[in-house]
């Protein structure tokens, strides 16, 4: 019976460690999700400024430049800090 008790204690300890690890990873995921949401909101605001400036009466005179303007805006609005964070994050080592 003592062998069974030792096995159960070991099993409970393993479950406890696993539960703690899951809680830590869950909190890390919540923080990262907050970072992602914040970066997307910022990118959306940056893109909205550019897109709002492209009213039809202004674009008529700048038809050839619209592609370059939008490309430049997307490149600048891209979440570079977030991308750098994801690439260096230990929890995202498989990307």
N, C-alpha and C. Protein backbone atom coordinates (compact mmCIF):
# COMPACT_ATOMS: atom_id res chain seq x y z
N UNK A 1 0.81 -1.20 0.00
CA UNK A 1 0.00 0.00 0.00
C UNK A 1 0.86 1.26 0.00
N UNK A 2 2.06 1.22 0.60
CA UNK A 2 2.90 2.42 0.65
C UNK A 2 3.41 2.79 -0.73
N UNK A 3 3.62 1.80 -1.59
CA UNK A 3 4.05 2.09 -2.95
C UNK A 3 2.95 2.85 -3.70
N UNK A 4 1.72 2.45 -3.49
CA UNK A 4 0.58 3.13 -4.11
C UNK A 4 0.46 4.56 -3.58
N UNK A 5 0.65 4.75 -2.29
CA UNK A 5 0.56 6.09 -1.68
C UNK A 5 1.65 7.00 -2.24
N UNK A 6 2.85 6.47 -2.38
CA UNK A 6 3.95 7.27 -2.93
C UNK A 6 3.66 7.63 -4.38
N UNK A 7 3.11 6.71 -5.12
CA UNK A 7 2.75 6.97 -6.51
C UNK A 7 1.67 8.05 -6.60
N UNK A 8 0.68 8.00 -5.73
CA UNK A 8 -0.39 9.01 -5.71
C UNK A 8 0.16 10.38 -5.35
N UNK A 9 1.08 10.43 -4.35
CA UNK A 9 1.68 11.72 -3.99
C UNK A 9 2.46 12.30 -5.16
N UNK A 10 3.19 11.45 -5.84
CA UNK A 10 3.95 11.89 -7.00
C UNK A 10 3.02 12.39 -8.10
N UNK A 11 1.93 11.68 -8.29
CA UNK A 11 0.95 12.07 -9.30
C UNK A 11 0.31 13.42 -8.94
N UNK A 12 -0.04 13.61 -7.69
CA UNK A 12 -0.63 14.88 -7.23
C UNK A 12 0.35 16.03 -7.39
N UNK A 13 1.63 15.79 -7.08
CA UNK A 13 2.65 16.82 -7.24
C UNK A 13 2.80 17.21 -8.71
N UNK A 14 2.78 16.21 -9.57
CA UNK A 14 2.89 16.48 -11.01
C UNK A 14 1.70 17.29 -11.51
N UNK A 15 0.52 16.95 -11.04
CA UNK A 15 -0.68 17.69 -11.43
C UNK A 15 -0.61 19.12 -10.91
N UNK A 16 -0.13 19.30 -9.70
CA UNK A 16 0.00 20.64 -9.13
C UNK A 16 0.97 21.49 -9.95
N UNK A 17 2.11 20.92 -10.32
CA UNK A 17 3.08 21.65 -11.14
C UNK A 17 2.48 21.99 -12.50
N UNK A 18 1.77 21.04 -13.08
CA UNK A 18 1.14 21.27 -14.37
C UNK A 18 0.10 22.38 -14.28
N UNK A 19 -0.69 22.39 -13.23
CA UNK A 19 -1.71 23.42 -13.02
C UNK A 19 -1.07 24.80 -12.88
N UNK A 20 0.02 24.87 -12.14
CA UNK A 20 0.74 26.14 -11.99
C UNK A 20 1.29 26.60 -13.34
N UNK A 21 1.84 25.68 -14.10
CA UNK A 21 2.38 26.03 -15.42
C UNK A 21 1.28 26.54 -16.34
N UNK A 22 0.13 25.90 -16.31
CA UNK A 22 -1.00 26.34 -17.13
C UNK A 22 -1.43 27.75 -16.73
N UNK A 23 -1.48 28.03 -15.44
CA UNK A 23 -1.87 29.36 -14.97
C UNK A 23 -0.88 30.42 -15.45
N UNK A 24 0.40 30.11 -15.38
CA UNK A 24 1.43 31.05 -15.83
C UNK A 24 1.31 31.29 -17.33
N UNK A 25 1.13 30.24 -18.11
CA UNK A 25 0.99 30.38 -19.57
C UNK A 25 -0.28 31.13 -19.93
N UNK A 26 -1.35 30.91 -19.20
CA UNK A 26 -2.61 31.60 -19.46
C UNK A 26 -2.44 33.10 -19.24
N UNK A 27 -1.77 33.48 -18.16
CA UNK A 27 -1.53 34.90 -17.88
C UNK A 27 -0.64 35.52 -18.95
N UNK A 28 0.37 34.78 -19.38
CA UNK A 28 1.25 35.26 -20.45
C UNK A 28 0.46 35.47 -21.74
N UNK A 29 -0.43 34.56 -22.06
CA UNK A 29 -1.26 34.69 -23.26
C UNK A 29 -2.19 35.90 -23.15
N UNK A 30 -2.73 36.16 -21.97
CA UNK A 30 -3.59 37.34 -21.78
C UNK A 30 -2.80 38.62 -22.03
N UNK A 31 -1.57 38.68 -21.50
CA UNK A 31 -0.74 39.88 -21.71
C UNK A 31 -0.42 40.06 -23.19
N UNK A 32 -0.08 38.96 -23.86
CA UNK A 32 0.24 39.05 -25.28
C UNK A 32 -0.98 39.44 -26.10
N UNK A 33 -2.14 38.94 -25.74
CA UNK A 33 -3.35 39.32 -26.44
C UNK A 33 -3.62 40.80 -26.27
N UNK A 34 -3.36 41.32 -25.08
CA UNK A 34 -3.50 42.76 -24.85
C UNK A 34 -2.55 43.55 -25.72
N UNK A 35 -1.31 43.07 -25.87
CA UNK A 35 -0.33 43.72 -26.74
C UNK A 35 -0.80 43.71 -28.19
N UNK A 36 -1.34 42.59 -28.62
CA UNK A 36 -1.83 42.46 -29.99
C UNK A 36 -2.99 43.41 -30.23
N UNK A 37 -3.92 43.44 -29.32
CA UNK A 37 -5.08 44.32 -29.46
C UNK A 37 -4.64 45.78 -29.52
N UNK A 38 -3.72 46.16 -28.65
CA UNK A 38 -3.23 47.54 -28.64
C UNK A 38 -2.53 47.89 -29.95
N UNK A 39 -1.72 46.98 -30.48
CA UNK A 39 -1.02 47.24 -31.74
C UNK A 39 -1.99 47.35 -32.91
N UNK A 40 -3.01 46.52 -32.91
CA UNK A 40 -3.99 46.56 -34.01
C UNK A 40 -4.80 47.85 -33.96
N UNK A 41 -5.18 48.28 -32.77
CA UNK A 41 -5.93 49.53 -32.64
C UNK A 41 -5.09 50.71 -33.13
N UNK A 42 -3.81 50.73 -32.77
CA UNK A 42 -2.91 51.80 -33.22
C UNK A 42 -2.76 51.77 -34.74
N UNK A 43 -2.57 50.58 -35.31
CA UNK A 43 -2.43 50.46 -36.76
C UNK A 43 -3.70 50.91 -37.47
N UNK A 44 -4.84 50.56 -36.90
CA UNK A 44 -6.11 50.97 -37.50
C UNK A 44 -6.25 52.49 -37.50
N UNK A 45 -5.86 53.14 -36.41
CA UNK A 45 -5.92 54.61 -36.34
C UNK A 45 -4.99 55.24 -37.37
N UNK A 46 -3.79 54.68 -37.49
CA UNK A 46 -2.83 55.21 -38.47
C UNK A 46 -3.36 55.07 -39.90
N UNK A 47 -3.93 53.91 -40.21
CA UNK A 47 -4.48 53.69 -41.55
C UNK A 47 -5.71 54.55 -41.80
N UNK A 48 -6.52 54.73 -40.77
CA UNK A 48 -7.73 55.53 -40.92
C UNK A 48 -7.39 56.96 -41.33
N UNK A 49 -6.32 57.53 -40.76
CA UNK A 49 -5.90 58.90 -41.12
C UNK A 49 -5.60 58.99 -42.61
N UNK A 50 -4.86 58.03 -43.12
CA UNK A 50 -4.49 58.05 -44.53
C UNK A 50 -5.72 57.83 -45.40
N UNK A 51 -6.52 56.84 -45.06
CA UNK A 51 -7.69 56.53 -45.89
C UNK A 51 -8.71 57.67 -45.88
N UNK A 52 -8.84 58.35 -44.75
CA UNK A 52 -9.76 59.48 -44.69
C UNK A 52 -9.27 60.65 -45.55
N UNK A 53 -7.96 60.74 -45.73
CA UNK A 53 -7.43 61.83 -46.55
C UNK A 53 -7.61 61.56 -48.04
N UNK A 54 -7.95 60.34 -48.40
CA UNK A 54 -8.14 59.99 -49.81
C UNK A 54 -9.60 60.14 -50.22
N UNK A 55 -10.11 61.34 -50.13
CA UNK A 55 -11.48 61.60 -50.57
C UNK A 55 -11.51 61.61 -52.09
N UNK A 56 -12.66 61.39 -52.66
CA UNK A 56 -12.75 61.23 -54.10
C UNK A 56 -12.29 62.45 -54.87
N UNK A 57 -12.55 63.67 -54.35
CA UNK A 57 -12.14 64.87 -55.10
C UNK A 57 -10.62 65.08 -55.04
N UNK A 58 -9.96 64.48 -54.05
CA UNK A 58 -8.50 64.56 -54.01
C UNK A 58 -7.86 63.44 -54.84
N UNK A 59 -8.52 62.28 -54.85
CA UNK A 59 -7.92 61.16 -55.57
C UNK A 59 -8.02 61.29 -57.08
N UNK A 60 -8.97 62.08 -57.57
CA UNK A 60 -9.10 62.28 -59.01
C UNK A 60 -7.79 62.84 -59.58
N UNK A 61 -7.17 63.72 -58.84
CA UNK A 61 -5.94 64.36 -59.31
C UNK A 61 -4.68 63.55 -58.97
N UNK A 62 -4.83 62.50 -58.17
CA UNK A 62 -3.66 61.72 -57.73
C UNK A 62 -3.81 60.23 -58.05
N UNK A 63 -4.46 59.91 -59.13
CA UNK A 63 -4.76 58.52 -59.46
C UNK A 63 -3.50 57.66 -59.51
N UNK A 64 -2.44 58.19 -60.10
CA UNK A 64 -1.21 57.42 -60.24
C UNK A 64 -0.48 57.23 -58.91
N UNK A 65 -0.76 58.05 -57.93
CA UNK A 65 -0.05 57.99 -56.65
C UNK A 65 -0.77 57.17 -55.58
N UNK A 66 -2.02 56.82 -55.80
CA UNK A 66 -2.82 56.17 -54.76
C UNK A 66 -2.19 54.85 -54.31
N UNK A 67 -1.73 54.04 -55.24
CA UNK A 67 -1.08 52.77 -54.87
C UNK A 67 0.13 52.98 -53.98
N UNK A 68 0.94 53.97 -54.33
CA UNK A 68 2.13 54.27 -53.52
C UNK A 68 1.75 54.80 -52.14
N UNK A 69 0.72 55.64 -52.09
CA UNK A 69 0.28 56.20 -50.81
C UNK A 69 -0.22 55.10 -49.88
N UNK A 70 -1.05 54.22 -50.40
CA UNK A 70 -1.60 53.13 -49.58
C UNK A 70 -0.49 52.15 -49.17
N UNK A 71 0.41 51.83 -50.09
CA UNK A 71 1.52 50.93 -49.75
C UNK A 71 2.37 51.51 -48.64
N UNK A 72 2.70 52.79 -48.75
CA UNK A 72 3.50 53.46 -47.73
C UNK A 72 2.76 53.46 -46.39
N UNK A 73 1.46 53.72 -46.41
CA UNK A 73 0.68 53.75 -45.18
C UNK A 73 0.64 52.37 -44.52
N UNK A 74 0.47 51.31 -45.31
CA UNK A 74 0.44 49.95 -44.76
C UNK A 74 1.78 49.60 -44.15
N UNK A 75 2.87 49.93 -44.86
CA UNK A 75 4.21 49.64 -44.33
C UNK A 75 4.46 50.37 -43.01
N UNK A 76 3.99 51.61 -42.91
CA UNK A 76 4.19 52.38 -41.68
C UNK A 76 3.26 51.95 -40.56
N UNK A 77 2.07 51.51 -40.92
CA UNK A 77 1.10 51.11 -39.90
C UNK A 77 1.35 49.70 -39.40
N UNK A 78 2.14 48.93 -40.14
CA UNK A 78 2.41 47.55 -39.74
C UNK A 78 2.99 47.52 -38.34
N UNK A 79 2.61 46.55 -37.57
CA UNK A 79 2.97 46.43 -36.15
C UNK A 79 4.38 45.88 -35.99
N UNK A 80 5.38 46.68 -36.33
CA UNK A 80 6.77 46.19 -36.29
C UNK A 80 7.23 45.85 -34.88
N UNK A 81 6.83 46.67 -33.91
CA UNK A 81 7.22 46.38 -32.52
C UNK A 81 6.60 45.07 -32.05
N UNK A 82 5.36 44.86 -32.42
CA UNK A 82 4.68 43.62 -32.05
C UNK A 82 5.33 42.42 -32.74
N UNK A 83 5.67 42.57 -34.01
CA UNK A 83 6.33 41.49 -34.74
C UNK A 83 7.67 41.14 -34.09
N UNK A 84 8.43 42.16 -33.73
CA UNK A 84 9.72 41.94 -33.07
C UNK A 84 9.52 41.23 -31.74
N UNK A 85 8.49 41.63 -31.00
CA UNK A 85 8.20 41.01 -29.70
C UNK A 85 7.82 39.54 -29.86
N UNK A 86 7.00 39.25 -30.86
CA UNK A 86 6.57 37.88 -31.08
C UNK A 86 7.74 37.00 -31.49
N UNK A 87 8.61 37.53 -32.34
CA UNK A 87 9.75 36.74 -32.81
C UNK A 87 10.76 36.45 -31.71
N UNK A 88 10.85 37.32 -30.71
CA UNK A 88 11.83 37.13 -29.63
C UNK A 88 11.22 36.50 -28.39
N UNK A 89 9.92 36.33 -28.38
CA UNK A 89 9.24 35.77 -27.22
C UNK A 89 9.53 34.28 -27.10
N UNK A 90 9.92 33.82 -25.89
CA UNK A 90 10.18 32.39 -25.73
C UNK A 90 8.95 31.51 -25.94
N UNK A 91 7.76 32.05 -25.72
CA UNK A 91 6.56 31.25 -25.91
C UNK A 91 6.19 31.11 -27.38
N UNK A 92 6.85 31.88 -28.25
CA UNK A 92 6.59 31.82 -29.69
C UNK A 92 7.81 31.31 -30.44
N UNK A 93 8.52 30.40 -29.87
CA UNK A 93 9.78 29.95 -30.46
C UNK A 93 9.59 29.11 -31.72
N UNK A 94 8.39 28.71 -32.04
CA UNK A 94 8.15 27.87 -33.20
C UNK A 94 7.77 28.68 -34.44
N UNK A 95 7.71 30.00 -34.33
CA UNK A 95 7.34 30.82 -35.48
C UNK A 95 8.52 31.08 -36.37
